[in-house]
Amino acid sequence: MSTKPQLSFWQIWNVSFGFLGVQFGFALQNANVSRILSDLGADLHSLSLFWLVAPIMGLIIQPIVGAASDKTWNRFGRRNPYILIGAISATVGMLLMPNAPLFVAIVPPMLFGAMMLAIMDASFNVAFQPFRALVSDMVPDNQTNQGYSIQAFLINVGAVFGSILPFLLTNVVGLSNTSSGEGIAPSVVWAFYIGATVLLGSVLWTVFKTKEYAPEQYYQFKGLDAKKVAEEQNVTTSFSEKASNFLSLMKTMPKVMKQLAIVQFFSWFSLFIMWVYTMPAIAQQVWGIDVKWFDHDYIASVGGIPADIAAAKGAAGDWVGILFAAYSLFAAIFSIFLAKLANTFGRKWVYSLSLLAGGLGYLSFSMITGTELTTVNLLITQVEVPKGAVTLFIPMIGIGIAWAAILAMPYSILAGALPISKTGIYMGIFNFTIAAPQIVSGIFAGMILSGLFANQAIFIIMLAGGSMVLGALSVMFVKDEKEQTA
């Protein structure tokens, strides 16, 4: 059995470069979809229900794409065709979503926005799983930590620019960040146009710069007979047989995959809450906006949102992009050192302490107040924001550290434990551990927020902090076979 050739830094970089653009688009969605849906009429209780589209799409699509990409070998490669298809369809969704009000004659804007959210999430998920598997396919075992760390770095660079883009378009270019009527703020509209372009361009870079191994060569590296594997994969099975095989895979999945699922539950439950509710949380906690201005029925009863409240909500929405860019930047920096730290101190300890840092970051939100305005120099521009908004950069450090570890450590631990011929489908199944906690969070977070916390969004962020701390503790029960045998 021969081994995969060692890759240069730039070869590993090219393998994951397209993920920068995918995450650019995903970050734009994460930072602005709650804002867009609120502008289209969604209230706080229903926001998490709209966000359910994302994990549901992942739950359905990633295992299917994973299984299909395991069997796909053509002149474009094994994973690249799916990456390209996902990028093209995501681009279409990003171009259409901010234009929801233009389609009011055909379909209600809120419904159209939800449909475009579904298209974008489905498309992102078509691209996500093959990118994960592409690293496993191309990178030799001794460079796995480096491969996923570089991928995490690129993901976070994309997230920084995707998150900050609407703010830049408002404060540097001069586009308005305030919606009018049922329209979307111009800064958000143009951010989605630019994001779509970056997404497609970066994915094309990976597709054309990364030449995947031919089946014979790939299976030779794995010590398998390519013809035998092809024969096994080409066997036609009925739907019931496929369902039975899928259930069998679920039952026989590696033990470490089940252990990581517990960590993933607590981690992604927290992340979902952050993406959905950071905007209302800081708008209420730091900008001092009353809860009633997040109630669509109340707003309708008084004839709309006053100009000063609309401006404050727009500023808070922009600042969410800055904060999300900040945690992504901190994650990108931490990703540079992640492989070295994992190799030195062990993946479990680095993973656990990283999640703990994120949990403490969430919990510290409750201690940050200060509505008095201060001038902040962001190098590219100066803005006036509440003092508390500046202090929020501190918890973003911990959240960024946690995010970097979440993007890299589970996959690094898992990669060496998966059957070689089923890497794609198992990576797809592993996405259940990402989607399921988000679905649980989406179903119950809105009810918890309205029923227990009277729509005071800061308390749901604190709940996310407690969940992340539980994730940090559960890492200690994971058995990392590679470290045990080292």
Protein backbone atom coordinates (compact mmCIF):
# COMPACT_ATOMS: atom_id res chain seq x y z
CA MET A 1 0.00 0.00 0.00
CA SER A 2 1.48 3.36 -1.04
CA THR A 3 0.83 6.53 0.88
CA LYS A 4 -0.58 9.84 -0.25
CA PRO A 5 2.11 12.32 -1.25
CA GLN A 6 2.83 15.15 1.14
CA LEU A 7 1.10 18.37 0.10
CA SER A 8 2.61 21.83 0.16
CA PHE A 9 0.95 24.56 2.22
CA TRP A 10 -0.55 26.09 -0.91
CA GLN A 11 -1.91 22.78 -2.16
CA ILE A 12 -3.74 22.32 1.14
CA TRP A 13 -4.83 25.95 0.92
CA ASN A 14 -6.32 25.42 -2.56
CA VAL A 15 -8.26 22.34 -1.38
CA SER A 16 -10.22 24.49 1.09
CA PHE A 17 -10.12 27.94 -0.53
CA GLY A 18 -13.66 27.62 -1.89
CA PHE A 19 -14.90 27.19 1.67
CA LEU A 20 -13.90 30.84 2.22
CA GLY A 21 -16.58 31.92 -0.26
CA VAL A 22 -19.18 29.45 1.00
CA GLN A 23 -18.66 30.74 4.54
CA PHE A 24 -18.70 34.33 3.25
CA GLY A 25 -22.24 33.68 2.06
CA PHE A 26 -23.17 31.68 5.16
CA ALA A 27 -21.93 34.49 7.42
CA LEU A 28 -23.99 37.04 5.53
CA GLN A 29 -26.99 34.82 6.09
CA ASN A 30 -26.26 34.27 9.79
CA ALA A 31 -25.74 37.95 10.55
CA ASN A 32 -28.63 39.30 8.47
CA VAL A 33 -31.44 36.76 8.06
CA SER A 34 -33.03 37.60 11.44
CA ARG A 35 -32.83 41.26 10.42
CA ILE A 36 -34.34 40.58 6.97
CA LEU A 37 -37.15 38.42 8.35
CA SER A 38 -37.89 41.03 11.04
CA ASP A 39 -38.13 43.69 8.34
CA LEU A 40 -40.54 41.40 6.48
CA GLY A 41 -42.75 41.03 9.58
CA ALA A 42 -41.43 38.16 11.75
CA ASP A 43 -41.61 38.52 15.56
CA LEU A 44 -39.14 37.13 18.13
CA HIS A 45 -41.14 33.98 18.83
CA SER A 46 -41.28 32.97 15.16
CA LEU A 47 -37.67 33.82 14.25
CA SER A 48 -36.25 30.53 15.51
CA LEU A 49 -38.94 28.64 13.58
CA PHE A 50 -37.85 30.26 10.30
CA TRP A 51 -34.26 29.37 11.14
CA LEU A 52 -35.27 25.70 11.37
CA VAL A 53 -34.95 25.60 7.58
CA ALA A 54 -31.14 25.51 7.90
CA PRO A 55 -30.67 22.39 10.05
CA ILE A 56 -33.54 20.55 8.35
CA MET A 57 -31.87 21.08 4.99
CA GLY A 58 -28.60 19.84 6.44
CA LEU A 59 -30.26 16.80 7.97
CA ILE A 60 -31.79 15.77 4.66
CA ILE A 61 -29.14 16.79 2.18
CA GLN A 62 -25.71 16.09 3.66
CA PRO A 63 -26.07 12.29 4.07
CA ILE A 64 -27.51 12.04 0.54
CA VAL A 65 -24.71 14.15 -0.92
CA GLY A 66 -22.14 12.28 1.17
CA ALA A 67 -23.28 8.90 -0.12
CA ALA A 68 -23.51 10.15 -3.70
CA SER A 69 -20.07 11.78 -3.66
CA ASP A 70 -18.51 8.57 -2.32
CA LYS A 71 -19.61 6.89 -5.56
CA THR A 72 -19.01 9.75 -8.00
CA TRP A 73 -15.92 9.60 -10.16
CA ASN A 74 -15.88 11.66 -13.36
CA ARG A 75 -13.57 14.03 -15.18
CA PHE A 76 -14.45 16.83 -12.73
CA GLY A 77 -13.52 14.69 -9.73
CA ARG A 78 -15.28 13.03 -6.84
CA ARG A 79 -16.31 15.91 -4.54
CA ASN A 80 -15.83 18.89 -6.86
CA PRO A 81 -19.05 18.40 -8.89
CA TYR A 82 -21.17 18.70 -5.75
CA ILE A 83 -19.20 21.66 -4.46
CA LEU A 84 -19.77 23.46 -7.78
CA ILE A 85 -23.50 22.63 -7.97
CA GLY A 86 -24.00 23.85 -4.39
CA ALA A 87 -22.16 27.10 -5.09
CA ILE A 88 -24.18 27.90 -8.21
CA SER A 89 -27.56 27.31 -6.55
CA ALA A 90 -26.49 29.24 -3.41
CA THR A 91 -25.51 32.14 -5.64
CA VAL A 92 -29.01 32.20 -7.13
CA GLY A 93 -30.59 32.19 -3.67
CA MET A 94 -28.36 35.01 -2.46
CA LEU A 95 -29.27 37.15 -5.45
CA LEU A 96 -33.00 36.63 -4.97
CA MET A 97 -33.52 36.68 -1.18
CA PRO A 98 -32.99 40.42 -0.54
CA ASN A 99 -35.40 41.12 -3.39
CA ALA A 100 -38.33 39.39 -1.67
CA PRO A 101 -40.53 42.55 -1.71
CA LEU A 102 -40.32 42.67 -5.52
CA PHE A 103 -42.20 39.37 -5.76
CA VAL A 104 -45.14 40.46 -3.61
CA ALA A 105 -47.54 40.11 -6.56
CA ILE A 106 -46.67 36.40 -6.83
CA VAL A 107 -46.05 35.34 -3.23
CA PRO A 108 -46.05 37.12 0.18
CA PRO A 109 -42.59 38.61 0.92
CA MET A 110 -42.23 36.62 4.17
CA LEU A 111 -42.93 33.34 2.37
CA PHE A 112 -40.58 34.24 -0.49
CA GLY A 113 -37.85 35.10 2.04
CA ALA A 114 -38.34 31.73 3.73
CA MET A 115 -38.18 29.98 0.34
CA MET A 116 -34.91 31.69 -0.57
CA LEU A 117 -33.54 30.84 2.89
CA ALA A 118 -34.37 27.20 2.17
CA ILE A 119 -32.63 27.35 -1.23
CA MET A 120 -29.52 28.96 0.24
CA ASP A 121 -29.32 26.50 3.12
CA ALA A 122 -29.88 23.52 0.85
CA SER A 123 -27.13 24.79 -1.44
CA PHE A 124 -24.67 25.54 1.37
CA ASN A 125 -25.20 22.00 2.64
CA VAL A 126 -24.57 20.51 -0.80
CA ALA A 127 -21.16 22.24 -0.70
CA PHE A 128 -20.29 21.82 3.01
CA GLN A 129 -20.06 18.03 3.22
CA PRO A 130 -17.92 17.48 0.08
CA PHE A 131 -15.50 20.17 1.30
CA ARG A 132 -15.07 18.27 4.58
CA ALA A 133 -14.58 14.99 2.73
CA LEU A 134 -12.21 16.59 0.18
CA VAL A 135 -9.67 17.28 2.93
CA SER A 136 -9.91 13.69 4.09
CA ASP A 137 -9.48 12.47 0.50
CA MET A 138 -6.53 14.66 -0.46
CA VAL A 139 -4.50 15.23 2.71
CA PRO A 140 -2.20 12.49 4.12
CA ASP A 141 -2.84 11.36 7.70
CA ASN A 142 0.09 13.22 9.22
CA GLN A 143 -1.21 16.49 7.77
CA THR A 144 -4.85 16.04 8.85
CA ASN A 145 -4.65 18.48 11.77
CA GLN A 146 -3.01 21.03 9.49
CA GLY A 147 -5.59 20.43 6.74
CA TYR A 148 -8.61 21.04 8.94
CA SER A 149 -6.90 23.94 10.72
CA ILE A 150 -6.27 25.68 7.37
CA GLN A 151 -9.89 25.00 6.43
CA ALA A 152 -11.01 26.53 9.74
CA PHE A 153 -8.80 29.56 9.07
CA LEU A 154 -10.28 30.11 5.61
CA ILE A 155 -13.80 29.59 6.90
CA ASN A 156 -13.27 32.32 9.47
CA VAL A 157 -11.61 34.74 7.06
CA GLY A 158 -14.70 34.38 4.86
CA ALA A 159 -16.93 34.85 7.89
CA VAL A 160 -15.11 38.05 8.92
CA PHE A 161 -15.67 39.76 5.60
CA GLY A 162 -19.16 38.35 5.13
CA SER A 163 -20.24 39.54 8.57
CA ILE A 164 -18.75 43.03 8.30
CA LEU A 165 -19.81 43.78 4.73
CA PRO A 166 -23.18 45.51 5.43
CA PHE A 167 -21.46 47.72 8.00
CA LEU A 168 -18.78 48.68 5.46
CA LEU A 169 -21.36 49.46 2.83
CA THR A 170 -23.15 51.79 5.26
CA ASN A 171 -20.24 53.50 6.99
CA VAL A 172 -17.68 53.58 4.17
CA VAL A 173 -19.70 53.52 0.95
CA GLY A 174 -22.67 55.41 2.37
CA LEU A 175 -25.58 53.06 1.64
CA SER A 176 -28.56 53.24 3.99
CA ASN A 177 -28.87 50.55 6.69
CA THR A 178 -32.53 51.31 7.44
CA SER A 179 -35.43 49.45 5.86
CA SER A 180 -38.43 51.35 4.58
CA GLY A 181 -41.88 49.81 4.80
CA GLU A 182 -41.55 46.16 3.82
CA GLY A 183 -38.29 46.72 1.95
CA ILE A 184 -34.79 45.52 2.83
CA ALA A 185 -32.02 47.96 3.74
CA PRO A 186 -29.90 48.79 0.61
CA SER A 187 -26.68 47.93 2.46
CA VAL A 188 -27.98 44.39 3.04
CA VAL A 189 -29.18 43.99 -0.55
CA TRP A 190 -25.79 44.94 -2.02
CA ALA A 191 -23.95 42.83 0.56
CA PHE A 192 -25.80 39.77 -0.73
CA TYR A 193 -24.94 40.65 -4.34
CA ILE A 194 -21.24 40.94 -3.49
CA GLY A 195 -21.35 37.79 -1.36
CA ALA A 196 -22.82 35.79 -4.22
CA THR A 197 -19.94 36.88 -6.47
CA VAL A 198 -17.26 36.00 -3.90
CA LEU A 199 -18.86 32.62 -3.21
CA LEU A 200 -18.92 31.52 -6.82
CA GLY A 201 -15.44 32.87 -7.61
CA SER A 202 -13.69 31.15 -4.70
CA VAL A 203 -15.40 27.81 -5.34
CA LEU A 204 -14.30 27.93 -8.97
CA TRP A 205 -10.74 28.45 -7.69
CA THR A 206 -10.84 25.21 -5.68
CA VAL A 207 -12.53 23.25 -8.46
CA PHE A 208 -9.94 24.26 -11.07
CA LYS A 209 -6.88 24.24 -8.78
CA THR A 210 -7.52 20.90 -7.03
CA LYS A 211 -7.09 17.76 -9.12
CA GLU A 212 -8.64 14.89 -7.22
CA TYR A 213 -7.06 11.44 -7.32
CA ALA A 214 -8.38 8.90 -9.83
CA PRO A 215 -10.22 5.93 -8.25
CA GLU A 216 -7.34 3.50 -8.86
CA GLN A 217 -4.80 5.84 -7.28
CA TYR A 218 -7.06 6.81 -4.36
CA TYR A 219 -7.89 3.23 -3.40
CA GLN A 220 -4.27 2.20 -3.81
CA PHE A 221 -3.43 4.73 -1.08
CA LYS A 222 -6.07 3.06 1.08
CA GLY A 223 -4.93 -0.49 0.34
CA LEU A 224 -8.18 -1.38 -1.45
CA ASP A 225 -9.00 -2.84 -4.86
CA ALA A 226 -10.65 -0.10 -6.92
CA LYS A 227 -12.56 -2.55 -9.11
CA LYS A 228 -13.95 -4.43 -6.12
CA VAL A 229 -15.07 -1.23 -4.45
CA ALA A 230 -16.71 -0.04 -7.69
CA GLU A 231 -18.57 -3.34 -8.02
CA GLU A 232 -19.87 -3.05 -4.45
CA GLN A 233 -20.95 0.55 -4.99
CA ASN A 234 -22.68 -0.21 -8.29
CA VAL A 235 -24.94 -2.88 -6.83
CA THR A 236 -28.54 -1.77 -7.35
CA THR A 237 -30.63 -1.82 -4.17
CA SER A 238 -34.29 -1.11 -3.46
CA PHE A 239 -35.44 1.79 -1.29
CA SER A 240 -36.12 -0.56 1.62
CA GLU A 241 -32.63 -2.04 1.28
CA LYS A 242 -31.11 1.44 1.20
CA ALA A 243 -33.07 2.37 4.31
CA SER A 244 -31.94 -0.83 6.01
CA ASN A 245 -28.32 -0.20 5.03
CA PHE A 246 -28.57 3.36 6.31
CA LEU A 247 -29.94 2.19 9.65
CA SER A 248 -27.18 -0.40 9.78
CA LEU A 249 -24.59 2.32 9.26
CA MET A 250 -26.18 4.34 12.06
CA LYS A 251 -26.02 1.36 14.41
CA THR A 252 -22.44 0.43 13.52
CA MET A 253 -20.99 3.93 13.45
CA PRO A 254 -17.66 4.27 15.27
CA LYS A 255 -18.02 4.72 19.04
CA VAL A 256 -16.12 7.99 18.98
CA MET A 257 -18.75 9.36 16.58
CA LYS A 258 -21.47 8.71 19.16
CA GLN A 259 -19.40 10.34 21.90
CA LEU A 260 -18.74 13.39 19.76
CA ALA A 261 -22.49 13.62 19.08
CA ILE A 262 -23.07 14.61 22.72
CA VAL A 263 -20.48 17.38 22.50
CA GLN A 264 -21.96 18.53 19.21
CA PHE A 265 -25.45 18.72 20.70
CA PHE A 266 -24.47 21.20 23.41
CA SER A 267 -22.20 23.17 21.06
CA TRP A 268 -24.63 23.62 18.18
CA PHE A 269 -27.62 24.23 20.44
CA SER A 270 -25.68 27.27 21.68
CA LEU A 271 -24.54 28.46 18.26
CA PHE A 272 -28.07 28.38 16.85
CA ILE A 273 -29.32 30.60 19.68
CA MET A 274 -26.48 33.05 19.10
CA TRP A 275 -27.15 33.37 15.37
CA VAL A 276 -30.88 33.89 15.86
CA TYR A 277 -30.99 36.11 18.94
CA THR A 278 -27.80 38.17 19.18
CA MET A 279 -29.41 41.06 17.29
CA PRO A 280 -32.47 41.44 19.59
CA ALA A 281 -30.33 40.69 22.65
CA ILE A 282 -27.86 43.53 22.09
CA ALA A 283 -30.57 45.86 20.75
CA GLN A 284 -32.43 45.46 24.06
CA GLN A 285 -29.45 45.15 26.40
CA VAL A 286 -27.09 47.76 24.93
CA TRP A 287 -29.15 50.04 22.68
CA GLY A 288 -31.99 50.11 25.21
CA ILE A 289 -34.75 49.28 22.70
CA ASP A 290 -37.94 48.19 24.45
CA VAL A 291 -39.15 44.62 23.88
CA LYS A 292 -42.40 45.91 22.37
CA TRP A 293 -40.55 47.12 19.28
CA PHE A 294 -39.86 43.47 18.42
CA ASP A 295 -43.58 42.62 18.53
CA HIS A 296 -45.01 42.78 15.00
CA ASP A 297 -48.60 43.06 16.26
CA TYR A 298 -47.73 46.01 18.51
CA ILE A 299 -45.84 47.73 15.71
CA ALA A 300 -48.84 47.30 13.41
CA SER A 301 -51.20 48.67 16.09
CA VAL A 302 -49.24 51.94 16.41
CA GLY A 303 -48.79 52.40 12.68
CA GLY A 304 -45.11 51.48 12.34
CA ILE A 305 -41.73 51.92 14.00
CA PRO A 306 -40.63 55.47 14.91
CA ALA A 307 -37.63 56.73 12.95
CA ASP A 308 -35.32 56.77 15.99
CA ILE A 309 -36.18 53.16 16.90
CA ALA A 310 -35.70 52.04 13.29
CA ALA A 311 -32.32 53.75 13.21
CA ALA A 312 -31.30 52.12 16.50
CA LYS A 313 -32.36 48.68 15.27
CA GLY A 314 -30.42 49.25 12.06
CA ALA A 315 -27.33 50.25 14.04
CA ALA A 316 -27.67 47.21 16.30
CA GLY A 317 -28.06 45.00 13.24
CA ASP A 318 -24.89 46.44 11.73
CA TRP A 319 -23.06 45.91 15.01
CA VAL A 320 -24.04 42.25 15.04
CA GLY A 321 -22.10 41.97 11.79
CA ILE A 322 -19.09 43.60 13.47
CA LEU A 323 -19.34 41.23 16.46
CA PHE A 324 -19.71 38.17 14.24
CA ALA A 325 -16.73 39.38 12.22
CA ALA A 326 -14.81 39.79 15.48
CA TYR A 327 -15.43 36.26 16.71
CA SER A 328 -14.58 34.95 13.25
CA LEU A 329 -11.36 36.97 13.26
CA PHE A 330 -10.41 35.64 16.69
CA ALA A 331 -11.27 32.15 15.43
CA ALA A 332 -9.09 32.62 12.35
CA ILE A 333 -6.15 33.73 14.53
CA PHE A 334 -6.66 30.84 16.95
CA SER A 335 -6.89 28.42 14.00
CA ILE A 336 -3.29 29.29 13.09
CA PHE A 337 -2.13 27.82 16.39
CA LEU A 338 -4.78 25.12 16.73
CA ALA A 339 -2.90 22.26 15.06
CA LYS A 340 0.24 22.95 17.09
CA LEU A 341 -1.73 23.17 20.35
CA ALA A 342 -3.60 19.94 19.55
CA ASN A 343 -0.37 18.11 18.73
CA THR A 344 1.30 19.40 21.91
CA PHE A 345 -1.45 19.20 24.55
CA GLY A 346 -3.87 16.74 22.97
CA ARG A 347 -7.00 17.37 20.97
CA LYS A 348 -9.40 16.67 23.83
CA TRP A 349 -7.93 19.26 26.20
CA VAL A 350 -7.72 21.92 23.53
CA TYR A 351 -11.28 21.16 22.39
CA SER A 352 -12.71 21.19 25.93
CA LEU A 353 -11.01 24.39 27.09
CA SER A 354 -12.00 26.11 23.84
CA LEU A 355 -15.68 25.32 24.41
CA LEU A 356 -15.38 26.51 28.01
CA ALA A 357 -14.02 29.84 26.75
CA GLY A 358 -17.05 30.14 24.47
CA GLY A 359 -19.49 29.35 27.26
CA LEU A 360 -17.99 32.00 29.52
CA GLY A 361 -18.19 34.45 26.62
CA TYR A 362 -21.94 33.90 26.25
CA LEU A 363 -22.54 34.18 29.99
CA SER A 364 -20.66 37.48 30.20
CA PHE A 365 -23.19 39.13 27.86
CA SER A 366 -25.48 39.67 30.85
CA MET A 367 -22.90 41.84 32.61
CA ILE A 368 -22.45 44.23 29.70
CA THR A 369 -24.54 47.40 29.70
CA GLY A 370 -23.99 51.07 28.91
CA THR A 371 -26.23 52.97 26.53
CA GLU A 372 -24.24 56.23 26.58
CA LEU A 373 -22.66 56.90 23.21
CA THR A 374 -18.94 56.78 22.50
CA THR A 375 -16.91 57.26 19.32
CA VAL A 376 -15.11 54.17 18.05
CA ASN A 377 -12.30 54.25 15.50
CA LEU A 378 -12.48 51.09 13.39
CA LEU A 379 -9.56 52.23 11.18
CA ILE A 380 -11.77 52.25 8.08
CA THR A 381 -14.30 54.61 9.66
CA GLN A 382 -15.46 56.14 12.93
CA VAL A 383 -18.87 55.39 14.40
CA GLU A 384 -20.84 56.37 17.47
CA VAL A 385 -22.17 53.39 19.41
CA PRO A 386 -23.16 52.70 23.03
CA LYS A 387 -20.20 51.94 25.32
CA GLY A 388 -21.60 48.48 25.99
CA ALA A 389 -21.33 47.68 22.30
CA VAL A 390 -17.56 48.12 22.46
CA THR A 391 -17.26 45.93 25.57
CA LEU A 392 -18.98 43.12 23.66
CA PHE A 393 -15.71 42.52 21.81
CA ILE A 394 -14.37 40.80 24.97
CA PRO A 395 -16.81 37.84 24.97
CA MET A 396 -16.23 37.49 21.23
CA ILE A 397 -12.68 36.32 22.00
CA GLY A 398 -13.97 33.28 23.88
CA ILE A 399 -16.69 32.61 21.32
CA GLY A 400 -14.12 32.80 18.51
CA ILE A 401 -11.86 30.29 20.25
CA ALA A 402 -14.80 27.91 20.66
CA TRP A 403 -15.88 28.36 17.03
CA ALA A 404 -12.40 27.54 15.71
CA ALA A 405 -12.32 24.35 17.76
CA ILE A 406 -15.86 23.34 16.71
CA LEU A 407 -14.89 23.70 13.05
CA ALA A 408 -11.73 21.60 13.30
CA MET A 409 -11.43 19.32 16.33
CA PRO A 410 -14.44 16.99 15.86
CA TYR A 411 -13.49 16.33 12.24
CA SER A 412 -9.84 15.81 13.09
CA ILE A 413 -10.76 13.31 15.82
CA LEU A 414 -13.29 11.60 13.58
CA ALA A 415 -11.32 11.41 10.32
CA GLY A 416 -9.04 8.55 11.36
CA ALA A 417 -11.90 6.48 12.80
CA LEU A 418 -14.07 6.24 9.66
CA PRO A 419 -14.17 3.33 7.19
CA ILE A 420 -12.23 4.41 4.11
CA SER A 421 -14.88 3.61 1.51
CA LYS A 422 -17.65 5.32 3.51
CA THR A 423 -15.97 8.56 4.58
CA GLY A 424 -18.43 10.74 2.68
CA ILE A 425 -21.61 9.11 3.96
CA TYR A 426 -20.34 9.01 7.54
CA MET A 427 -19.38 12.68 7.33
CA GLY A 428 -22.92 13.28 6.08
CA ILE A 429 -24.41 11.25 8.93
CA PHE A 430 -22.21 13.18 11.35
CA ASN A 431 -24.05 16.27 10.19
CA PHE A 432 -27.04 14.88 12.13
CA THR A 433 -25.10 15.94 15.23
CA ILE A 434 -25.08 19.49 13.86
CA ALA A 435 -28.63 19.61 12.54
CA ALA A 436 -30.48 17.85 15.37
CA PRO A 437 -29.48 20.26 18.17
CA GLN A 438 -30.33 23.22 15.96
CA ILE A 439 -33.76 21.73 15.26
CA VAL A 440 -34.33 21.23 18.99
CA SER A 441 -33.15 24.78 19.62
CA GLY A 442 -35.33 26.17 16.84
CA ILE A 443 -38.45 24.44 18.14
CA PHE A 444 -38.03 25.32 21.80
CA ALA A 445 -35.94 28.52 21.93
CA GLY A 446 -38.80 30.77 20.85
CA MET A 447 -41.14 29.21 23.39
CA ILE A 448 -38.55 29.51 26.15
CA LEU A 449 -37.87 33.14 25.22
CA SER A 450 -41.53 34.17 25.27
CA GLY A 451 -42.78 31.82 28.00
CA LEU A 452 -39.95 31.98 30.56
CA PHE A 453 -38.01 35.12 29.69
CA ALA A 454 -40.82 37.49 28.57
CA ASN A 455 -38.95 38.11 25.29
CA GLN A 456 -35.88 39.45 27.13
CA ALA A 457 -33.39 38.04 24.64
CA ILE A 458 -30.33 38.39 26.89
CA PHE A 459 -31.53 35.44 28.97
CA ILE A 460 -31.67 33.09 25.98
CA ILE A 461 -28.01 34.01 25.28
CA MET A 462 -27.17 33.02 28.86
CA LEU A 463 -28.92 29.69 28.28
CA ALA A 464 -26.63 29.21 25.29
CA GLY A 465 -23.65 29.83 27.58
CA GLY A 466 -24.72 27.11 29.98
CA SER A 467 -25.14 24.68 27.11
CA MET A 468 -21.64 25.42 25.79
CA VAL A 469 -20.13 24.77 29.23
CA LEU A 470 -21.87 21.37 29.27
CA GLY A 471 -20.31 20.72 25.87
CA ALA A 472 -16.86 21.46 27.31
CA LEU A 473 -17.43 18.94 30.10
CA SER A 474 -18.71 16.25 27.74
CA VAL A 475 -15.50 16.36 25.66
CA MET A 476 -13.73 14.60 28.51
CA PHE A 477 -15.82 11.47 27.84
CA VAL A 478 -14.65 11.23 24.20
CA LYS A 479 -12.13 8.46 23.50
CA ASP A 480 -9.66 9.77 20.93
CA GLU A 481 -8.13 6.52 19.64
CA LYS A 482 -5.23 8.24 17.89
CA GLU A 483 -4.08 9.95 21.08
CA GLN A 484 -4.58 6.79 23.13
CA THR A 485 -2.30 4.79 20.83
CA ALA A 486 0.27 7.57 20.35
